[in-house]
N, C-alpha and C. Protein backbone atom coordinates (compact mmCIF):
# COMPACT_ATOMS: atom_id res chain seq x y z
N MET A 1 0.78 -1.27 0.07
CA MET A 1 -0.03 0.06 0.07
C MET A 1 0.97 1.17 -0.17
N SER A 2 0.71 2.38 -1.08
CA SER A 2 1.51 3.41 -1.15
C SER A 2 0.57 4.59 -0.98
N ASP A 3 0.80 5.72 -0.55
CA ASP A 3 0.25 6.90 -0.33
C ASP A 3 0.11 7.70 -1.56
N TYR A 4 0.95 7.02 -2.66
CA TYR A 4 1.37 7.73 -3.92
C TYR A 4 0.63 7.07 -4.95
N ASP A 5 0.26 7.60 -5.95
CA ASP A 5 -0.18 7.06 -7.23
C ASP A 5 1.07 6.85 -8.11
N GLU A 6 0.77 6.45 -9.26
CA GLU A 6 1.78 5.67 -10.31
C GLU A 6 2.62 7.14 -10.62
N ALA A 7 2.07 8.19 -10.59
CA ALA A 7 2.48 9.49 -11.12
C ALA A 7 3.65 10.22 -10.02
N GLY A 8 3.45 9.57 -9.01
CA GLY A 8 4.23 9.91 -7.70
C GLY A 8 3.57 11.17 -6.81
N SER A 9 2.21 11.33 -7.15
CA SER A 9 1.20 12.63 -6.33
C SER A 9 0.86 11.74 -5.35
N GLN A 10 0.47 12.43 -4.18
CA GLN A 10 -0.16 11.79 -3.04
C GLN A 10 -1.46 11.55 -3.43
N LYS A 11 -2.18 10.39 -3.08
CA LYS A 11 -3.52 10.06 -3.26
C LYS A 11 -4.20 10.79 -2.52
N THR A 12 -5.56 11.33 -2.99
CA THR A 12 -6.45 12.04 -2.05
C THR A 12 -7.82 11.20 -2.39
N GLY A 13 -8.60 11.34 -1.49
CA GLY A 13 -9.98 10.82 -1.63
C GLY A 13 -11.00 11.76 -1.05
N ASP A 14 -11.95 11.27 -0.38
CA ASP A 14 -13.24 11.81 -0.17
C ASP A 14 -13.29 12.27 1.33
N PRO A 15 -12.81 13.64 1.62
CA PRO A 15 -12.61 14.10 2.99
C PRO A 15 -13.76 13.98 3.79
N ASP A 16 -15.17 13.67 3.11
CA ASP A 16 -16.32 13.43 3.99
C ASP A 16 -16.36 11.97 4.66
N PHE A 17 -15.63 11.04 3.93
CA PHE A 17 -15.27 9.82 4.44
C PHE A 17 -14.55 9.79 5.77
N LEU A 18 -13.58 10.36 5.80
CA LEU A 18 -12.82 10.62 7.28
C LEU A 18 -13.80 11.21 8.20
N ASP A 19 -14.43 12.21 7.76
CA ASP A 19 -15.33 13.01 8.74
C ASP A 19 -16.47 12.19 9.33
N GLY A 20 -17.04 11.28 8.34
CA GLY A 20 -18.06 10.17 8.61
C GLY A 20 -17.47 9.07 9.62
N ILE A 21 -16.24 8.50 9.37
CA ILE A 21 -15.79 7.65 10.20
C ILE A 21 -15.46 8.01 11.57
N GLU A 22 -15.13 9.19 11.70
CA GLU A 22 -14.64 9.92 12.89
C GLU A 22 -15.91 10.26 13.53
N SER A 23 -17.08 10.54 12.87
CA SER A 23 -18.34 11.08 13.76
C SER A 23 -19.12 9.63 14.27
N MET A 24 -19.00 8.52 13.42
CA MET A 24 -19.48 7.23 13.74
C MET A 24 -18.57 6.64 14.84
N SER A 25 -17.30 6.52 14.93
CA SER A 25 -16.45 5.90 15.87
C SER A 25 -16.30 6.87 17.13
N GLY A 26 -16.51 7.98 16.89
CA GLY A 26 -16.50 8.95 18.34
C GLY A 26 -14.80 9.05 18.62
N THR A 27 -14.14 8.66 17.85
CA THR A 27 -12.61 8.82 17.82
C THR A 27 -11.84 9.60 16.84
N SER A 28 -10.72 10.25 16.92
CA SER A 28 -10.03 10.93 15.97
C SER A 28 -9.01 10.14 15.16
N VAL A 29 -9.28 10.01 13.94
CA VAL A 29 -8.47 9.10 12.96
C VAL A 29 -7.24 10.01 12.55
N ARG A 30 -7.57 11.24 12.70
CA ARG A 30 -6.57 12.16 12.17
C ARG A 30 -5.33 12.32 12.98
N THR A 31 -5.41 11.84 14.21
CA THR A 31 -4.14 12.08 15.09
C THR A 31 -3.05 10.87 14.99
N CYS A 32 -3.53 9.99 14.42
CA CYS A 32 -2.75 8.87 14.19
C CYS A 32 -1.44 9.07 13.29
N TYR A 33 -0.34 8.81 13.84
CA TYR A 33 0.89 9.22 13.31
C TYR A 33 1.79 7.97 12.75
N GLN A 34 1.17 7.01 12.47
CA GLN A 34 1.47 5.69 12.05
C GLN A 34 2.73 4.99 12.72
N CYS A 35 2.69 5.01 13.99
CA CYS A 35 3.69 4.41 14.71
C CYS A 35 3.62 2.89 14.52
N GLY A 36 2.72 2.33 14.11
CA GLY A 36 2.45 0.78 13.85
C GLY A 36 2.34 0.15 15.01
N LYS A 37 2.26 0.60 16.20
CA LYS A 37 2.02 -0.21 17.20
C LYS A 37 0.90 -0.99 17.42
N CYS A 38 -0.50 -0.68 16.87
CA CYS A 38 -1.86 -1.37 16.53
C CYS A 38 -1.15 -2.40 15.78
N SER A 39 -0.67 -2.48 14.79
CA SER A 39 -0.41 -3.36 13.83
C SER A 39 0.57 -4.58 14.39
N ALA A 40 1.55 -4.14 15.11
CA ALA A 40 2.45 -4.89 15.92
C ALA A 40 1.72 -5.66 17.16
N GLY A 41 0.93 -5.21 17.43
CA GLY A 41 0.29 -5.85 18.73
C GLY A 41 -1.06 -6.73 18.28
N CYS A 42 -1.17 -6.50 17.16
CA CYS A 42 -2.64 -7.19 16.64
C CYS A 42 -2.44 -8.73 16.54
N PRO A 43 -3.34 -9.59 17.24
CA PRO A 43 -3.23 -10.90 17.25
C PRO A 43 -3.75 -11.84 16.04
N VAL A 44 -4.45 -10.98 15.31
CA VAL A 44 -5.09 -11.38 13.94
C VAL A 44 -4.59 -10.69 12.79
N ALA A 45 -3.63 -9.81 12.71
CA ALA A 45 -2.92 -9.07 11.72
C ALA A 45 -2.61 -10.14 10.68
N TYR A 46 -2.10 -11.48 10.84
CA TYR A 46 -1.69 -12.62 10.22
C TYR A 46 -2.83 -12.65 9.09
N ALA A 47 -4.01 -12.43 9.42
CA ALA A 47 -5.01 -12.88 8.57
C ALA A 47 -5.61 -11.44 7.69
N MET A 48 -5.06 -10.52 7.92
CA MET A 48 -5.78 -9.26 7.36
C MET A 48 -5.01 -8.85 6.25
N ASP A 49 -5.74 -8.52 5.20
CA ASP A 49 -4.97 -8.07 3.79
C ASP A 49 -4.40 -6.54 4.00
N LEU A 50 -5.01 -5.76 5.02
CA LEU A 50 -4.22 -4.39 5.50
C LEU A 50 -4.12 -4.41 6.69
N LEU A 51 -3.06 -4.09 7.37
CA LEU A 51 -2.73 -3.96 8.58
C LEU A 51 -3.46 -2.92 9.17
N PRO A 52 -4.02 -2.79 10.46
CA PRO A 52 -4.77 -1.65 11.10
C PRO A 52 -4.32 -0.29 10.74
N SER A 53 -2.70 -0.25 11.05
CA SER A 53 -2.27 1.28 10.63
C SER A 53 -2.31 1.60 9.26
N GLN A 54 -2.56 0.78 8.25
CA GLN A 54 -2.85 0.96 7.12
C GLN A 54 -4.31 1.47 6.74
N VAL A 55 -5.11 0.74 7.36
CA VAL A 55 -6.44 1.23 7.30
C VAL A 55 -6.75 2.63 7.93
N MET A 56 -6.04 2.87 8.83
CA MET A 56 -6.14 4.01 9.59
C MET A 56 -5.54 5.22 8.48
N ARG A 57 -4.44 5.01 7.91
CA ARG A 57 -4.08 5.70 6.85
C ARG A 57 -4.99 6.09 5.72
N LEU A 58 -5.43 4.89 5.45
CA LEU A 58 -6.29 5.09 3.93
C LEU A 58 -7.60 5.76 4.61
N CYS A 59 -8.03 5.72 5.72
CA CYS A 59 -9.18 6.61 6.39
C CYS A 59 -8.59 8.03 6.31
N GLN A 60 -7.33 8.35 6.64
CA GLN A 60 -7.02 9.76 7.06
C GLN A 60 -7.07 10.26 5.35
N LEU A 61 -6.64 9.45 4.50
CA LEU A 61 -6.53 9.97 3.20
C LEU A 61 -7.95 10.11 2.19
N GLY A 62 -8.74 9.46 3.04
CA GLY A 62 -10.05 9.42 2.52
C GLY A 62 -10.49 8.76 1.51
N LEU A 63 -9.63 7.44 1.30
CA LEU A 63 -9.72 6.46 0.39
C LEU A 63 -10.62 5.26 0.62
N LYS A 64 -11.97 5.71 0.53
CA LYS A 64 -13.30 5.02 0.79
C LYS A 64 -13.21 3.44 0.08
N GLU A 65 -13.03 3.54 -1.16
CA GLU A 65 -12.99 2.45 -1.94
C GLU A 65 -12.05 1.51 -1.56
N GLU A 66 -10.56 1.93 -1.32
CA GLU A 66 -9.62 0.92 -0.70
C GLU A 66 -9.90 0.46 0.59
N VAL A 67 -10.39 1.27 1.48
CA VAL A 67 -10.61 0.78 2.62
C VAL A 67 -11.85 -0.18 2.64
N LEU A 68 -13.07 0.10 2.11
CA LEU A 68 -14.18 -0.76 2.14
C LEU A 68 -14.07 -2.23 1.58
N SER A 69 -12.98 -2.07 0.47
CA SER A 69 -12.60 -3.31 -0.28
C SER A 69 -11.99 -4.24 0.52
N SER A 70 -11.44 -3.83 1.62
CA SER A 70 -10.50 -4.72 2.58
C SER A 70 -11.29 -5.50 3.51
N SER A 71 -10.70 -6.66 3.76
CA SER A 71 -11.47 -7.73 4.66
C SER A 71 -11.14 -7.38 6.17
N THR A 72 -10.08 -6.47 6.25
CA THR A 72 -9.46 -6.33 7.72
C THR A 72 -10.47 -5.88 8.70
N PHE A 73 -11.40 -5.12 8.51
CA PHE A 73 -12.37 -4.70 9.51
C PHE A 73 -13.39 -5.74 9.83
N TRP A 74 -13.41 -6.57 8.95
CA TRP A 74 -14.21 -7.87 9.09
C TRP A 74 -13.49 -8.92 9.93
N VAL A 75 -12.16 -9.01 9.91
CA VAL A 75 -11.51 -9.79 10.42
C VAL A 75 -11.07 -9.43 11.75
N CYS A 76 -11.03 -8.25 12.34
CA CYS A 76 -10.69 -7.78 13.62
C CYS A 76 -11.43 -8.36 14.62
N ALA A 77 -10.93 -8.76 15.73
CA ALA A 77 -11.50 -9.70 16.86
C ALA A 77 -11.95 -8.67 17.65
N SER A 78 -11.60 -7.28 17.76
CA SER A 78 -12.30 -6.30 18.68
C SER A 78 -11.79 -6.76 20.23
N CYS A 79 -10.29 -6.92 20.10
CA CYS A 79 -9.82 -7.47 21.24
C CYS A 79 -9.29 -6.20 22.11
N GLU A 80 -9.16 -4.93 21.45
CA GLU A 80 -8.78 -3.77 22.11
C GLU A 80 -7.07 -3.71 22.26
N THR A 81 -6.25 -4.84 22.13
CA THR A 81 -5.09 -4.71 21.98
C THR A 81 -4.48 -3.60 21.12
N CYS A 82 -5.04 -3.13 19.98
CA CYS A 82 -4.65 -2.03 19.47
C CYS A 82 -4.82 -0.50 20.10
N ALA A 83 -5.80 -0.58 20.72
CA ALA A 83 -6.20 0.65 21.38
C ALA A 83 -5.41 0.85 22.71
N THR A 84 -5.08 -0.32 23.39
CA THR A 84 -4.24 -0.36 24.63
C THR A 84 -2.90 0.10 24.04
N ARG A 85 -2.38 -0.16 23.14
CA ARG A 85 -1.20 0.06 22.81
C ARG A 85 -0.95 1.53 22.26
N CYS A 86 -2.21 2.10 21.78
CA CYS A 86 -1.99 3.49 20.78
C CYS A 86 -1.55 4.52 21.86
N PRO A 87 -0.43 5.19 21.43
CA PRO A 87 0.03 6.33 22.22
C PRO A 87 -0.77 7.49 21.87
N ARG A 88 -1.62 7.57 21.13
CA ARG A 88 -2.59 8.60 20.62
C ARG A 88 -3.78 8.47 21.31
N GLU A 89 -4.01 7.22 21.85
CA GLU A 89 -5.26 6.66 22.58
C GLU A 89 -6.54 6.69 21.75
N ILE A 90 -6.43 6.21 20.41
CA ILE A 90 -7.39 6.42 19.32
C ILE A 90 -8.08 4.81 19.52
N GLU A 91 -9.39 4.79 19.48
CA GLU A 91 -10.22 3.65 19.79
C GLU A 91 -10.17 3.08 18.52
N ILE A 92 -9.24 2.32 17.84
CA ILE A 92 -9.25 1.55 16.63
C ILE A 92 -10.37 0.79 16.49
N VAL A 93 -10.77 -0.05 17.45
CA VAL A 93 -11.71 -0.99 17.42
C VAL A 93 -13.23 -0.29 17.04
N SER A 94 -13.37 1.00 17.73
CA SER A 94 -14.66 1.50 17.24
C SER A 94 -14.45 2.16 15.51
N VAL A 95 -13.37 2.39 15.23
CA VAL A 95 -13.31 2.59 13.80
C VAL A 95 -13.45 1.57 12.91
N MET A 96 -12.85 0.36 13.43
CA MET A 96 -13.47 -1.11 12.76
C MET A 96 -15.06 -1.17 12.74
N ASP A 97 -15.41 -1.00 13.77
CA ASP A 97 -17.01 -1.19 13.94
C ASP A 97 -17.80 -0.11 13.02
N ALA A 98 -17.11 1.10 12.72
CA ALA A 98 -17.83 2.17 11.87
C ALA A 98 -17.58 1.52 10.47
N LEU A 99 -16.53 1.03 10.25
CA LEU A 99 -16.09 0.46 8.74
C LEU A 99 -16.84 -0.62 8.45
N ARG A 100 -17.27 -1.40 9.34
CA ARG A 100 -18.24 -2.57 9.19
C ARG A 100 -19.58 -1.78 8.92
N GLN A 101 -20.17 -0.96 9.68
CA GLN A 101 -21.38 -0.36 9.53
C GLN A 101 -21.60 0.36 8.10
N TRP A 102 -20.49 0.85 7.98
CA TRP A 102 -20.30 1.73 6.40
C TRP A 102 -20.52 0.82 5.34
N ALA A 103 -19.51 -0.26 5.45
CA ALA A 103 -19.31 -1.11 4.40
C ALA A 103 -20.79 -2.11 4.04
N THR A 104 -21.65 -2.28 4.97
CA THR A 104 -22.71 -2.95 5.23
C THR A 104 -23.92 -1.90 4.47
N ARG A 105 -23.86 -0.52 4.61
CA ARG A 105 -24.60 0.41 4.23
C ARG A 105 -24.50 0.43 2.73
N GLU A 106 -22.96 0.53 2.39
CA GLU A 106 -22.93 0.65 1.02
C GLU A 106 -22.57 -0.52 0.20
N GLY A 107 -22.94 -1.75 0.91
CA GLY A 107 -22.88 -2.86 -0.05
C GLY A 107 -21.66 -3.64 -0.14
N PHE A 108 -20.72 -3.40 0.77
CA PHE A 108 -19.54 -4.13 0.61
C PHE A 108 -19.28 -5.45 1.28
N VAL A 109 -20.73 -6.03 1.68
CA VAL A 109 -20.48 -7.22 2.58
C VAL A 109 -20.01 -8.44 2.07
N ASP A 110 -19.98 -8.62 0.53
CA ASP A 110 -19.42 -9.80 0.13
C ASP A 110 -18.04 -10.26 0.54
N ARG A 111 -17.17 -9.50 0.90
CA ARG A 111 -15.89 -9.86 1.62
C ARG A 111 -15.90 -10.45 2.83
N PRO A 112 -15.51 -11.27 3.28
CA PRO A 112 -16.05 -12.68 3.63
C PRO A 112 -17.30 -12.55 4.19
N ARG A 113 -18.21 -13.21 3.13
CA ARG A 113 -19.55 -13.23 3.19
C ARG A 113 -20.16 -13.86 4.70
N GLU A 114 -19.51 -14.84 5.40
CA GLU A 114 -19.93 -15.21 6.45
C GLU A 114 -19.86 -14.41 7.76
N VAL A 115 -19.05 -13.25 7.44
CA VAL A 115 -19.05 -12.35 8.93
C VAL A 115 -20.09 -11.83 9.05
N PRO A 116 -20.68 -10.96 8.06
CA PRO A 116 -21.99 -10.30 8.31
C PRO A 116 -23.18 -11.30 8.74
N ILE A 117 -23.25 -12.43 8.28
CA ILE A 117 -24.16 -13.49 8.59
C ILE A 117 -23.85 -13.87 9.90
N PHE A 118 -22.87 -14.06 10.42
CA PHE A 118 -22.59 -14.46 11.86
C PHE A 118 -22.76 -13.33 12.80
N VAL A 119 -22.43 -12.17 12.42
CA VAL A 119 -22.93 -10.89 13.31
C VAL A 119 -24.14 -10.98 13.48
N SER A 120 -25.01 -10.99 12.38
CA SER A 120 -26.63 -10.89 12.57
C SER A 120 -27.26 -12.03 13.16
N THR A 121 -26.39 -13.02 13.23
CA THR A 121 -27.12 -14.26 13.72
C THR A 121 -26.74 -14.26 14.99
N PHE A 122 -25.72 -13.87 15.51
CA PHE A 122 -25.14 -13.55 16.71
C PHE A 122 -26.27 -12.43 17.74
N ILE A 123 -26.47 -11.50 17.08
CA ILE A 123 -27.33 -10.48 17.67
C ILE A 123 -28.75 -11.05 17.88
N LYS A 124 -29.15 -11.65 16.78
CA LYS A 124 -30.52 -12.19 16.72
C LYS A 124 -30.63 -13.20 18.07
N ASN A 125 -29.37 -13.80 18.26
CA ASN A 125 -29.69 -15.02 19.16
C ASN A 125 -29.66 -14.25 20.74
N LEU A 126 -28.88 -13.18 20.70
CA LEU A 126 -28.92 -12.46 22.18
C LEU A 126 -30.33 -11.95 22.35
N GLY A 127 -31.07 -11.61 21.26
CA GLY A 127 -32.33 -10.89 21.51
C GLY A 127 -33.38 -12.03 21.67
N TRP A 128 -33.20 -13.27 21.11
CA TRP A 128 -34.08 -14.30 21.37
C TRP A 128 -33.96 -14.84 22.84
N PHE A 129 -32.75 -15.12 23.18
CA PHE A 129 -32.41 -15.63 24.58
C PHE A 129 -32.00 -14.87 25.48
N GLY A 130 -31.71 -13.59 25.45
CA GLY A 130 -31.26 -12.70 26.62
C GLY A 130 -29.60 -13.01 26.89
N ARG A 131 -29.15 -14.11 26.43
CA ARG A 131 -27.72 -14.17 26.53
C ARG A 131 -27.40 -15.27 25.14
N LEU A 132 -26.23 -15.52 24.90
CA LEU A 132 -25.63 -16.50 24.05
C LEU A 132 -26.11 -17.98 24.18
N TYR A 133 -26.91 -18.51 23.35
CA TYR A 133 -27.14 -19.73 23.25
C TYR A 133 -26.63 -20.46 22.03
N GLU A 134 -25.30 -20.87 22.35
CA GLU A 134 -24.53 -21.56 21.50
C GLU A 134 -25.07 -22.57 20.40
N ALA A 135 -25.87 -23.48 20.93
CA ALA A 135 -26.25 -24.61 20.16
C ALA A 135 -27.14 -23.98 19.01
N ALA A 136 -27.98 -22.97 19.34
CA ALA A 136 -28.94 -22.21 18.42
C ALA A 136 -28.28 -21.49 17.48
N LEU A 137 -27.20 -20.78 18.15
CA LEU A 137 -26.16 -19.85 17.36
C LEU A 137 -25.58 -20.68 16.08
N VAL A 138 -24.94 -21.87 16.47
CA VAL A 138 -24.33 -22.63 15.53
C VAL A 138 -25.24 -23.19 14.54
N GLY A 139 -26.32 -23.66 14.91
CA GLY A 139 -27.38 -24.02 14.07
C GLY A 139 -28.08 -23.37 13.02
N VAL A 140 -28.30 -22.00 13.39
CA VAL A 140 -29.01 -20.83 12.58
C VAL A 140 -27.58 -20.51 11.87
N TYR A 141 -26.44 -20.16 12.27
CA TYR A 141 -25.51 -19.83 11.48
C TYR A 141 -25.30 -20.50 10.21
N ASN A 142 -25.18 -22.17 10.78
CA ASN A 142 -24.67 -22.99 9.65
C ASN A 142 -25.74 -23.13 8.53
N LEU A 143 -27.19 -22.91 8.97
CA LEU A 143 -28.15 -22.78 7.93
C LEU A 143 -28.13 -21.59 7.07
N ARG A 144 -27.88 -20.34 7.62
CA ARG A 144 -27.81 -19.25 7.01
C ARG A 144 -26.74 -19.06 5.96
N SER A 145 -25.52 -19.65 6.45
CA SER A 145 -24.09 -19.68 5.60
C SER A 145 -24.11 -20.52 4.78
N GLY A 146 -24.91 -21.65 4.58
CA GLY A 146 -24.97 -22.68 3.65
C GLY A 146 -23.80 -24.02 4.32
N HIS A 147 -23.55 -23.74 5.45
CA HIS A 147 -22.48 -24.70 5.88
C HIS A 147 -23.18 -25.75 6.81
N LEU A 148 -24.00 -26.58 6.37
CA LEU A 148 -25.13 -27.11 7.07
C LEU A 148 -24.55 -27.92 8.08
N ALA A 149 -23.54 -28.73 7.98
CA ALA A 149 -23.20 -29.71 9.03
C ALA A 149 -21.71 -29.31 9.86
N LYS A 150 -21.41 -28.20 9.31
CA LYS A 150 -20.05 -27.71 9.67
C LYS A 150 -20.03 -27.83 11.27
N ASP A 151 -18.94 -28.34 11.74
CA ASP A 151 -18.40 -28.61 13.28
C ASP A 151 -19.62 -29.30 13.89
N MET A 152 -20.57 -30.08 13.26
CA MET A 152 -21.34 -30.64 13.89
C MET A 152 -20.84 -31.94 14.69
N ASP A 153 -19.63 -32.39 13.99
CA ASP A 153 -18.81 -33.69 14.57
C ASP A 153 -18.30 -33.15 16.14
N LYS A 154 -18.26 -32.04 16.38
CA LYS A 154 -17.83 -31.62 17.77
C LYS A 154 -18.98 -31.41 18.71
N ALA A 155 -19.85 -31.59 18.49
CA ALA A 155 -21.20 -31.25 19.26
C ALA A 155 -21.12 -32.33 20.42
N PRO A 156 -21.17 -33.54 20.07
CA PRO A 156 -21.38 -34.64 21.07
C PRO A 156 -20.07 -34.67 22.34
N GLU A 157 -18.80 -34.37 21.68
CA GLU A 157 -17.89 -34.14 22.82
C GLU A 157 -18.11 -32.80 23.79
N MET A 158 -18.40 -31.80 23.18
CA MET A 158 -18.88 -30.53 23.81
C MET A 158 -19.80 -30.79 24.98
N LEU A 159 -20.92 -31.55 24.46
CA LEU A 159 -22.03 -31.64 25.39
C LEU A 159 -21.72 -32.51 26.33
N LEU A 160 -20.83 -33.56 26.11
CA LEU A 160 -20.51 -34.58 27.56
C LEU A 160 -19.39 -33.66 28.36
N LYS A 161 -18.65 -32.83 27.81
CA LYS A 161 -17.68 -31.86 28.74
C LYS A 161 -18.70 -30.60 29.56
N GLY A 162 -19.59 -30.54 29.12
CA GLY A 162 -20.65 -29.44 29.77
C GLY A 162 -20.27 -27.94 29.10
N LYS A 163 -19.64 -28.04 27.85
CA LYS A 163 -19.24 -26.82 27.09
C LYS A 163 -20.47 -26.00 26.55
N ILE A 164 -21.45 -26.85 26.06
CA ILE A 164 -22.71 -26.39 25.35
C ILE A 164 -23.78 -27.24 25.88
N SER A 165 -24.90 -26.48 26.09
CA SER A 165 -26.24 -27.09 26.50
C SER A 165 -26.98 -27.31 25.37
N ILE A 166 -27.99 -28.51 25.48
CA ILE A 166 -29.12 -28.57 24.58
C ILE A 166 -30.28 -27.63 24.91
N TRP A 167 -30.30 -27.21 26.13
CA TRP A 167 -31.55 -26.46 26.43
C TRP A 167 -30.93 -24.90 26.44
N PRO A 168 -31.90 -24.01 26.14
CA PRO A 168 -31.54 -22.46 25.97
C PRO A 168 -31.29 -22.19 27.47
N PRO A 169 -30.47 -20.89 27.82
CA PRO A 169 -30.29 -20.67 29.06
C PRO A 169 -31.69 -19.77 29.75
N LYS A 170 -31.97 -19.93 30.95
CA LYS A 170 -32.91 -19.19 31.62
C LYS A 170 -32.45 -17.75 32.13
N VAL A 171 -33.06 -16.88 31.39
CA VAL A 171 -32.39 -15.39 31.89
C VAL A 171 -33.67 -14.61 32.15
N ARG A 172 -33.53 -13.84 33.25
CA ARG A 172 -34.34 -12.79 33.57
C ARG A 172 -33.99 -11.44 32.79
N GLY A 173 -35.05 -10.69 32.46
CA GLY A 173 -34.69 -9.63 31.67
C GLY A 173 -34.21 -9.51 30.33
N ARG A 174 -34.84 -10.82 29.79
CA ARG A 174 -34.76 -11.01 28.14
C ARG A 174 -35.19 -9.90 27.46
N GLY A 175 -36.32 -9.42 28.02
CA GLY A 175 -36.91 -8.06 27.22
C GLY A 175 -36.02 -6.99 27.18
N GLU A 176 -35.33 -6.95 28.35
CA GLU A 176 -34.40 -5.70 28.39
C GLU A 176 -33.42 -5.75 27.12
N VAL A 177 -32.90 -7.12 27.01
CA VAL A 177 -31.85 -7.00 25.79
C VAL A 177 -32.51 -6.81 24.52
N ARG A 178 -33.71 -7.50 24.49
CA ARG A 178 -34.48 -6.93 23.24
C ARG A 178 -34.34 -5.42 23.03
N ASN A 179 -34.75 -4.72 23.83
CA ASN A 179 -34.93 -3.22 23.82
C ASN A 179 -33.68 -2.63 23.69
N ILE A 180 -32.60 -3.07 24.19
CA ILE A 180 -31.28 -2.44 23.81
C ILE A 180 -31.02 -2.88 22.40
N ILE A 181 -31.17 -3.80 21.89
CA ILE A 181 -30.85 -4.26 20.58
C ILE A 181 -31.61 -3.36 19.52
N LYS A 182 -33.12 -3.36 20.11
CA LYS A 182 -33.89 -2.54 19.18
C LYS A 182 -33.34 -0.96 19.24
N ARG A 183 -33.12 -0.38 20.39
CA ARG A 183 -32.67 0.83 20.58
C ARG A 183 -31.30 1.16 19.50
N VAL A 184 -30.63 0.14 19.56
CA VAL A 184 -29.13 0.39 19.00
C VAL A 184 -29.42 0.64 17.24
N ARG A 185 -30.39 -0.41 16.95
CA ARG A 185 -30.80 -0.37 15.56
C ARG A 185 -31.55 1.05 15.11
N GLU A 186 -32.38 1.66 15.98
CA GLU A 186 -32.98 2.81 15.81
C GLU A 186 -31.86 3.98 15.60
N ILE A 187 -30.85 3.87 16.50
CA ILE A 187 -29.75 5.00 16.43
C ILE A 187 -28.93 4.69 15.37
N GLU A 188 -28.57 3.58 14.87
CA GLU A 188 -27.76 3.28 13.64
C GLU A 188 -28.67 3.64 12.32
N LYS A 189 -29.92 3.75 12.38
CA LYS A 189 -30.57 4.28 11.22
C LYS A 189 -30.62 5.68 11.21
N GLU A 190 -30.67 6.41 12.22
CA GLU A 190 -30.34 7.75 12.23
C GLU A 190 -29.41 8.62 11.64
């Protein structure tokens, strides 16, 4: 990734993209000075096509297409290692979340197709049960993603070891979780 085009001029993009990402994430991408600590500490950087620091630079330049065509923000584990290491205290995970929202809104969700399916299935699972119910999560995700029997061979051993349950969890306040999810969706639409 280079900040310069073939003619040697600095690439520039859409300044509204940077403003939008900063507004959505609630953090200042502009203050990143490319030290690389976020990338050096990222436990999933090996699986990313762009390093977190490169994503930050592309955002600074307003290069929306290049950023949203990346799979990096879908791969991000949201572990906060990057933010913990950042000397500028940039909430990089919030930037990655904002990029996921922007990519979904603009139709860039085909890069890895399973990630948005998993995220929406996960959130629906929380709404239905009030907390994560792994058996339903795996079953519904496998149906929606087309991987019908994926990892089903692991279920018997996990059941025997008590890692998953056949029965959904009993949770008080399940309606409160649904209301939180509903309110977040309303805020995202605004």
